[in-house]
Protein backbone atom coordinates (compact mmCIF):
# COMPACT_ATOMS: atom_id res chain seq x y z
CA UNK A 1 82.08 114.05 128.17
CA UNK A 2 84.71 115.31 130.66
CA UNK A 3 87.24 113.58 128.41
CA UNK A 4 86.79 116.16 125.66
CA UNK A 5 87.71 119.17 127.83
CA UNK A 6 90.69 117.23 129.19
CA UNK A 7 91.89 116.42 125.65
CA UNK A 8 91.39 120.04 124.77
CA UNK A 9 93.64 121.13 127.68
CA UNK A 10 96.29 118.61 126.65
CA UNK A 11 96.11 119.76 122.93
CA UNK A 12 96.35 123.43 124.03
CA UNK A 13 99.42 122.92 126.04
CA UNK A 14 101.15 120.88 123.34
CA UNK A 15 100.19 123.42 120.73
CA UNK A 16 101.68 126.32 122.72
CA UNK A 17 105.11 124.94 122.28
CA UNK A 18 104.68 123.14 118.92
CA UNK A 19 103.32 126.49 117.56
CA UNK A 20 106.96 127.67 117.49
CA UNK A 21 108.92 124.39 117.67
CA UNK A 22 107.94 123.45 114.07
CA UNK A 23 109.74 126.43 112.61
CA UNK A 24 112.18 127.15 115.51
CA UNK A 25 113.99 123.74 115.16
CA UNK A 26 115.06 124.25 111.52
CA UNK A 27 116.16 127.78 112.37
CA UNK A 28 118.04 126.51 115.47
CA UNK A 29 119.82 123.80 113.52
CA UNK A 30 120.77 126.37 110.84
CA UNK A 31 121.92 128.68 113.61
CA UNK A 32 124.23 126.18 115.26
CA UNK A 33 125.99 125.24 112.03
CA UNK A 34 123.86 122.66 110.19
CA UNK A 35 123.88 123.27 106.39
CA UNK A 36 120.57 123.43 104.66
CA UNK A 37 121.06 119.91 103.32
CA UNK A 38 121.88 118.65 106.79
CA UNK A 39 118.64 120.26 108.08
CA UNK A 40 116.86 118.37 105.30
CA UNK A 41 118.47 115.05 106.23
CA UNK A 42 117.55 115.68 109.90
CA UNK A 43 113.99 116.27 108.88
CA UNK A 44 114.01 113.08 106.79
CA UNK A 45 115.32 110.98 109.74
CA UNK A 46 112.81 112.67 112.10
CA UNK A 47 109.98 111.84 109.68
CA UNK A 48 110.98 108.20 109.45
CA UNK A 49 111.21 107.97 113.23
CA UNK A 50 107.84 109.76 113.57
CA UNK A 51 106.29 107.29 111.06
CA UNK A 52 107.47 104.35 113.21
CA UNK A 53 106.05 106.02 116.30
CA UNK A 54 102.87 106.80 114.41
CA UNK A 55 102.38 103.10 113.53
CA UNK A 56 103.28 102.11 117.06
CA UNK A 57 100.85 104.53 118.71
CA UNK A 58 97.95 103.50 116.50
CA UNK A 59 98.39 99.79 116.97
CA UNK A 60 99.07 100.10 120.76
CA UNK A 61 96.12 102.45 121.06
CA UNK A 62 93.64 99.99 119.54
CA UNK A 63 95.06 96.79 120.95
CA UNK A 64 96.46 97.84 124.32
CA UNK A 65 95.73 101.24 125.92
CA UNK A 66 95.05 104.65 124.33
CA UNK A 67 95.92 106.56 127.50
CA UNK A 68 99.20 104.77 128.12
CA UNK A 69 100.14 105.09 124.45
CA UNK A 70 99.56 108.78 124.57
CA UNK A 71 101.89 109.11 127.52
CA UNK A 72 104.56 106.97 125.91
CA UNK A 73 104.80 108.99 122.63
CA UNK A 74 104.58 112.31 124.44
CA UNK A 75 107.64 111.63 126.52
CA UNK A 76 109.98 111.58 123.46
CA UNK A 77 109.65 115.17 122.40
CA UNK A 78 110.46 116.24 125.93
CA UNK A 79 113.74 114.32 125.70
CA UNK A 80 114.60 116.19 122.49
CA UNK A 81 113.94 119.53 124.09
CA UNK A 82 116.10 118.56 126.97
CA UNK A 83 118.93 117.62 124.64
CA UNK A 84 118.67 120.98 122.91
CA UNK A 85 119.05 122.64 126.31
CA UNK A 86 122.11 120.63 127.40
CA UNK A 87 124.31 120.43 124.33
CA UNK A 88 125.12 121.67 120.85
CA UNK A 89 127.24 118.65 119.93
CA UNK A 90 126.33 117.86 116.28
CA UNK A 91 125.96 114.09 116.80
CA UNK A 92 123.92 114.40 120.00
CA UNK A 93 121.64 117.01 118.41
CA UNK A 94 121.28 115.01 115.24
CA UNK A 95 120.37 111.97 117.31
CA UNK A 96 117.28 113.86 118.58
CA UNK A 97 115.82 113.26 115.11
CA UNK A 98 115.06 109.71 116.31
CA UNK A 99 112.47 111.19 118.79
CA UNK A 100 110.29 112.12 115.78
CA UNK A 101 109.96 115.90 116.09
CA UNK A 102 107.77 117.37 113.37
CA UNK A 103 108.86 120.14 111.11
CA UNK A 104 105.27 120.61 109.95
CA UNK A 105 103.54 123.77 111.11
CA UNK A 106 99.81 124.11 110.81
CA UNK A 107 98.73 123.52 107.27
CA UNK A 108 101.93 121.60 106.54
CA UNK A 109 100.31 118.52 104.99
CA UNK A 110 102.32 115.90 106.86
CA UNK A 111 99.43 114.72 109.04
CA UNK A 112 99.52 114.78 112.81
CA UNK A 113 102.29 113.46 115.01
CA UNK A 114 102.25 110.14 116.86
CA UNK A 115 99.49 111.33 119.26
CA UNK A 116 97.14 112.17 116.43
CA UNK A 117 95.75 108.66 115.71
CA UNK A 118 94.91 108.03 119.35
CA UNK A 119 93.50 111.42 120.05
CA UNK A 120 91.26 111.38 116.98
CA UNK A 121 90.09 107.87 117.79
CA UNK A 122 89.27 108.93 121.39
CA UNK A 123 87.06 111.74 120.06
CA UNK A 124 85.33 109.35 117.60
CA UNK A 125 84.67 106.87 120.50
CA UNK A 126 82.60 109.35 122.49
CA UNK A 127 81.19 111.79 119.99
CA UNK A 128 78.45 110.95 117.45
CA UNK A 129 79.14 111.52 113.77
CA UNK A 130 76.85 114.61 113.35
CA UNK A 131 78.73 116.40 116.08
CA UNK A 132 82.24 115.33 115.25
CA UNK A 133 83.17 118.01 112.70
CA UNK A 134 82.20 120.63 115.31
CA UNK A 135 84.14 118.79 118.01
CA UNK A 136 87.20 118.40 115.85
CA UNK A 137 86.86 122.13 114.88
CA UNK A 138 86.69 123.11 118.50
CA UNK A 139 89.71 121.04 119.41
CA UNK A 140 91.55 122.53 116.46
CA UNK A 141 90.59 126.03 117.58
CA UNK A 142 92.03 125.27 121.03
CA UNK A 143 95.21 124.03 119.40
CA UNK A 144 95.41 127.07 117.19
CA UNK A 145 94.85 129.41 120.07
CA UNK A 146 97.70 127.66 121.91
CA UNK A 147 99.90 127.93 118.79
CA UNK A 148 99.01 131.65 118.41
CA UNK A 149 99.93 132.37 121.99
CA UNK A 150 103.07 130.34 121.71
CA UNK A 151 104.12 132.10 118.54
CA UNK A 152 103.36 135.52 120.17
CA UNK A 153 105.46 134.63 123.21
CA UNK A 154 108.25 133.38 121.04
CA UNK A 155 108.38 136.49 118.93
CA UNK A 156 108.44 138.70 122.03
CA UNK A 157 111.19 136.69 123.61
CA UNK A 158 113.22 136.78 120.40
CA UNK A 159 113.24 140.56 120.78
CA UNK A 160 113.97 140.89 124.48
CA UNK A 161 116.24 137.82 125.36
CA UNK A 162 119.55 137.03 123.69
CA UNK A 163 119.33 133.32 124.62
CA UNK A 164 115.69 132.90 123.45
CA UNK A 165 116.36 129.48 121.85
CA UNK A 166 117.16 128.07 125.34
CA UNK A 167 114.20 129.79 127.02
CA UNK A 168 111.76 128.56 124.41
CA UNK A 169 113.07 124.95 124.54
CA UNK A 170 112.76 125.06 128.37
CA UNK A 171 109.14 126.30 128.13
CA UNK A 172 108.41 123.43 125.66
CA UNK A 173 109.98 120.87 127.99
CA UNK A 174 107.92 122.08 131.02
CA UNK A 175 104.64 122.15 129.08
CA UNK A 176 105.37 118.55 127.81
CA UNK A 177 105.69 117.40 131.44
CA UNK A 178 102.43 119.14 132.45
CA UNK A 179 100.48 117.64 129.49
CA UNK A 180 101.79 114.17 130.42
CA UNK A 181 100.48 114.64 133.92
CA UNK A 182 97.08 115.63 132.58
CA UNK A 183 97.02 112.38 130.51
CA UNK A 184 97.04 110.39 133.63
CA UNK A 185 93.53 111.61 134.39
CA UNK A 186 92.10 110.20 131.13
CA UNK A 187 89.62 107.48 132.06
CA UNK A 188 90.98 104.33 130.33
CA UNK A 189 87.86 102.33 130.99
CA UNK A 190 85.75 104.92 129.18
CA UNK A 191 87.44 104.33 125.90
CA UNK A 192 88.57 100.73 126.22
CA UNK A 193 86.88 98.31 123.78
CA UNK A 194 85.10 95.33 125.28
CA UNK A 195 86.44 91.84 124.69
CA UNK A 196 84.41 90.10 121.97
CA UNK A 197 81.80 87.75 123.33
CA UNK A 198 81.19 84.26 122.07
CA UNK A 199 80.38 84.27 118.42
CA UNK A 200 81.86 87.69 117.77
CA UNK A 201 84.85 88.13 115.61
CA UNK A 202 88.12 88.58 117.44
CA UNK A 203 90.26 91.55 116.42
CA UNK A 204 93.44 90.77 114.54
CA UNK A 205 96.56 92.92 114.52
CA UNK A 206 96.03 94.37 111.08
CA UNK A 207 92.89 96.36 110.22
CA UNK A 208 90.91 94.30 107.70
CA UNK A 209 87.33 95.67 107.61
CA UNK A 210 88.37 99.14 106.42
CA UNK A 211 91.41 98.18 104.36
CA UNK A 212 90.00 99.52 101.06
CA UNK A 213 89.12 102.96 102.51
CA UNK A 214 92.44 103.15 104.37
CA UNK A 215 94.25 102.45 101.11
CA UNK A 216 92.39 105.13 99.20
CA UNK A 217 92.89 107.75 101.95
CA UNK A 218 96.53 106.85 102.08
CA UNK A 219 97.17 107.18 98.35
CA UNK A 220 95.56 110.56 98.18
CA UNK A 221 97.34 111.82 101.28
CA UNK A 222 100.65 110.52 99.98
CA UNK A 223 100.47 112.77 96.97
CA UNK A 224 99.67 115.83 99.07
CA UNK A 225 102.58 115.23 101.35
CA UNK A 226 104.96 114.43 98.50
CA UNK A 227 104.26 117.98 97.15
CA UNK A 228 104.01 120.00 100.35
CA UNK A 229 106.96 118.29 101.95
CA UNK A 230 109.35 119.90 99.52
CA UNK A 231 108.72 123.39 100.98
CA UNK A 232 106.63 123.54 104.22
CA UNK A 233 109.32 122.21 106.68
CA UNK A 234 111.83 124.65 105.24
CA UNK A 235 109.59 127.73 105.08
CA UNK A 236 111.24 129.41 108.09
CA UNK A 237 114.59 129.06 106.43
CA UNK A 238 113.22 130.37 103.17
CA UNK A 239 111.77 133.41 104.92
CA UNK A 240 115.13 134.00 106.58
CA UNK A 241 116.86 133.80 103.19
CA UNK A 242 114.61 136.33 101.64
CA UNK A 243 115.28 138.86 104.37
CA UNK A 244 112.94 138.31 107.33
CA UNK A 245 114.29 138.29 110.92
CA UNK A 246 113.56 135.51 113.40
CA UNK A 247 110.98 137.77 115.11
CA UNK A 248 109.26 138.54 111.85
CA UNK A 249 109.20 134.83 110.94
CA UNK A 250 107.54 134.15 114.29
CA UNK A 251 104.91 136.77 113.49
CA UNK A 252 104.31 135.28 110.08
CA UNK A 253 103.73 131.78 111.50
CA UNK A 254 101.49 133.33 114.27
CA UNK A 255 99.40 135.09 111.69
CA UNK A 256 99.08 131.77 109.76
CA UNK A 257 97.70 130.22 112.92
CA UNK A 258 95.19 133.06 113.25
CA UNK A 259 94.15 132.49 109.63
CA UNK A 260 93.78 128.72 110.32
CA UNK A 261 91.64 129.43 113.42
CA UNK A 262 89.37 131.69 111.31
CA UNK A 263 89.08 129.03 108.66
CA UNK A 264 88.24 126.29 111.11
CA UNK A 265 85.39 128.34 112.56
CA UNK A 266 83.71 128.07 109.15
CA UNK A 267 84.49 124.42 108.58
CA UNK A 268 81.08 123.14 109.74
CA UNK A 269 79.24 125.75 107.65
CA UNK A 270 81.12 124.61 104.56
CA UNK A 271 80.43 120.96 105.28
CA UNK A 272 76.64 121.61 105.77
CA UNK A 273 76.49 123.82 102.62
CA UNK A 274 78.59 121.82 100.10
CA UNK A 275 79.02 118.38 101.60
CA UNK A 276 82.07 116.75 103.09
CA UNK A 277 83.87 115.70 99.90
CA UNK A 278 83.23 118.87 97.93
CA UNK A 279 84.41 121.02 100.83
CA UNK A 280 87.68 119.03 101.25
CA UNK A 281 88.37 119.08 97.47
CA UNK A 282 87.81 122.80 96.91
CA UNK A 283 89.62 123.99 99.98
CA UNK A 284 92.62 121.69 99.43
CA UNK A 285 92.85 122.71 95.73
CA UNK A 286 93.11 126.30 96.68
CA UNK A 287 95.42 125.69 99.72
CA UNK A 288 97.85 123.71 97.61
CA UNK A 289 97.72 125.68 94.38
CA UNK A 290 98.61 129.02 96.07
CA UNK A 291 102.10 127.73 96.86
CA UNK A 292 103.03 128.16 93.13
CA UNK A 293 102.85 131.90 93.44
CA UNK A 294 105.24 132.39 96.48
CA UNK A 295 108.62 132.70 94.61
CA UNK A 296 107.17 135.12 92.02
CA UNK A 297 106.06 137.84 94.43
CA UNK A 298 107.84 140.21 96.91
CA UNK A 299 108.77 138.95 100.38
CA UNK A 300 105.76 140.70 101.99
CA UNK A 301 103.33 139.26 99.46
CA UNK A 302 104.94 135.83 99.82
CA UNK A 303 104.18 136.04 103.58
CA UNK A 304 100.56 137.10 102.80
CA UNK A 305 100.12 134.23 100.37
CA UNK A 306 101.57 131.74 102.88
CA UNK A 307 99.25 132.95 105.70
CA UNK A 308 96.21 132.87 103.31
CA UNK A 309 96.86 129.38 101.99
CA UNK A 310 97.39 128.06 105.47
CA UNK A 311 93.93 129.29 106.54
CA UNK A 312 92.23 127.83 103.48
CA UNK A 313 94.09 124.51 103.62
CA UNK A 314 93.46 124.09 107.37
CA UNK A 315 89.75 124.74 106.98
CA UNK A 316 89.41 121.29 105.35
CA UNK A 317 91.09 119.39 108.25
CA UNK A 318 88.15 118.83 110.68
CA UNK A 319 85.89 117.97 107.78
CA UNK A 320 88.44 115.40 106.53
CA UNK A 321 88.98 114.00 110.05
CA UNK A 322 85.24 113.48 110.48
CA UNK A 323 84.86 111.75 107.16
CA UNK A 324 87.88 109.56 107.74
CA UNK A 325 86.62 108.45 111.14
CA UNK A 326 83.32 107.64 109.50
CA UNK A 327 84.64 105.37 106.78
CA UNK A 328 86.98 103.41 109.06
CA UNK A 329 85.44 100.80 111.37
CA UNK A 330 85.38 101.99 115.00
CA UNK A 331 87.60 99.19 116.26
CA UNK A 332 90.25 99.97 113.64
CA UNK A 333 90.33 103.79 113.85
CA UNK A 334 93.62 104.25 115.70
CA UNK A 335 95.37 101.75 113.42
CA UNK A 336 93.77 103.15 110.37
CA UNK A 337 94.95 106.63 111.30
CA UNK A 338 98.42 105.36 111.83
CA UNK A 339 98.57 103.74 108.45
CA UNK A 340 97.16 106.80 106.66
CA UNK A 341 99.54 108.99 108.70
CA UNK A 342 102.54 106.98 107.60
CA UNK A 343 101.53 107.25 104.00
CA UNK A 344 101.79 110.99 104.44
CA UNK A 345 104.87 111.24 106.63
CA UNK A 346 107.37 109.09 104.80
CA UNK A 347 106.85 110.90 101.40
CA UNK A 348 106.92 114.16 103.29
CA UNK A 349 110.37 113.36 104.72
CA UNK A 350 111.71 112.21 101.39
CA UNK A 351 110.37 115.36 99.74
CA UNK A 352 111.93 117.57 102.40
CA UNK A 353 115.36 116.04 101.69
CA UNK A 354 114.74 116.78 97.97
CA UNK A 355 113.59 120.34 98.84
CA UNK A 356 116.71 121.00 100.89
CA UNK A 357 118.94 120.32 97.89
CA UNK A 358 116.83 122.58 95.68
CA UNK A 359 117.00 125.34 98.32
CA UNK A 360 120.71 124.99 98.65
CA UNK A 361 120.89 125.45 94.91
CA UNK A 362 118.56 128.42 95.02
CA UNK A 363 115.96 126.68 92.80
CA UNK A 364 113.08 128.29 94.53
CA UNK A 365 110.77 128.37 91.52
CA UNK A 366 111.20 124.62 90.96
CA UNK A 367 110.57 123.98 94.71
CA UNK A 368 107.33 125.84 94.94
CA UNK A 369 106.03 124.82 91.57
CA UNK A 370 106.57 121.14 92.40
CA UNK A 371 104.93 121.62 95.80
CA UNK A 372 101.79 123.32 94.33
CA UNK A 373 101.34 121.07 91.35
CA UNK A 374 102.01 117.64 92.88
CA UNK A 375 99.95 118.34 96.00
CA UNK A 376 96.91 119.06 93.79
CA UNK A 377 96.73 115.31 93.21
CA UNK A 378 95.59 114.84 96.79
CA UNK A 379 92.15 116.57 96.44
CA UNK A 380 91.77 115.22 92.88
CA UNK A 381 92.27 111.64 94.01
CA UNK A 382 90.01 112.26 97.11
CA UNK A 383 87.19 113.31 94.76
CA UNK A 384 87.70 110.31 92.47
CA UNK A 385 87.70 107.88 95.34
CA UNK A 386 84.96 109.28 97.63
CA UNK A 387 82.67 111.55 95.71
CA UNK A 388 79.99 108.87 95.54
CA UNK A 389 80.39 107.59 99.03
CA UNK A 390 77.88 108.22 101.83
CA UNK A 391 79.84 108.46 105.09
CA UNK A 392 76.65 108.09 107.23
CA UNK A 393 76.08 104.64 105.69
CA UNK A 394 79.74 103.79 106.16
CA UNK A 395 79.74 104.54 109.82
CA UNK A 396 80.14 101.47 112.00
C-alpha cells in the first residue's frame, strides 16, 4: 500500500498550486487585457483540449501504462505556467489553452483533469470496495489541505508582493516538476494488468462490458456540468465585479476548500447512514440549488453561499467516485473515467462561453438561475438510473 501515500503526496503538491490556479488564471487573463468574452473562449478551448487529454489518459492508462500516462499529462500544465512567466503576448498566452488548464475550482462540477481517470483507477486497483470511499475521502482531504495552503500563500503574496502573479506561477511550475519526479517512483508492475491467458477474452480498445453504466453516468454528469459551467469558471471575475479584491477572492476560495474538507470528513458517515445513491442525490441537489440565490444577496452573503454550497457539493464526490468505480469493470475503469469525464468537460466549456456572454451583459440573475436549475438534472437522473442498483453486486 505504499502507492497510496505516494499518490497522496503527488495530489497534495498538485493541489497546492491548482488551489489558486483555477481562479488566478481567469483573473490573470482579465488583468493582462483579455475581455470577459475572450476569457470565456479561452476556457472553452482549454476544456476541449482537456477533454482530448482526458480521453488520451484513460485509454493509455488502461492499455499502455498508468505511471507513464500520469507523467505525460502532468508535463503540459508546467509548460503553460512557464509561458505565463515568460510572455504576455496575446497569441502565445491564448495558445496555452491547448495544454488543458482547468478553470474548475473544488466543487466546480467539471470533473477532474486528465490525471483523474488514471489516479482513480490506480486507487480502485489496490483498495477493496468497502474501504474505497474512505480512501478517496482521505486523498481528497490531502488535496484540499494542499489547496487551502496554496490559497493561503496566494492571498498573503497578493498583499506583500507587487508581482505576485509571476511568483505564484513560478511556484506552480516548480511543484509540477517535483510531482512528476515523484511519479517516477510509482511501481508500474503493481498496477499493470496481466495479459489474458488462453481462453480469456482479450481487451479491445473501447470499453464494452460497462458501456451501459458509463452512458448513464455520462448523461447525468453532462447535465450537471452544463449548468455549473455557466458560472463556476467565472466566479473569481464575478467576485471582482461585485467589489472583492484579489486577496479577498483568494480568501473566499480558501474558505471554500476548508468547507469542502469538512464535508469530505463526513462523506463515509453519510454513505453508511443513507446509502451511496441517496447521499449523492441529496448532497448534489443542495449543492447545485444554492447557486440560484447568489445574485439576490449582498456580496458578503454571496461569498457565504458559495463557500457553503462548495462544502455540500464536494461531500458527494468520494461517494460518487466509489460507486462509479464499482459499476465499471476493473479492466475498463480508466477508459470509463475518461469517457464520463469528457461528457462533463465539453458541456462545461460550452456553458462557460455562454456564461461569459451573459456576464459581459450583466445578466447575473440569468447566469445563476440557469446554473442552479439545469445542474439539478444531474442528481435527478442519477437517482432515476441507479436508485435500484446494488454496487456490491456490480463490482467486478
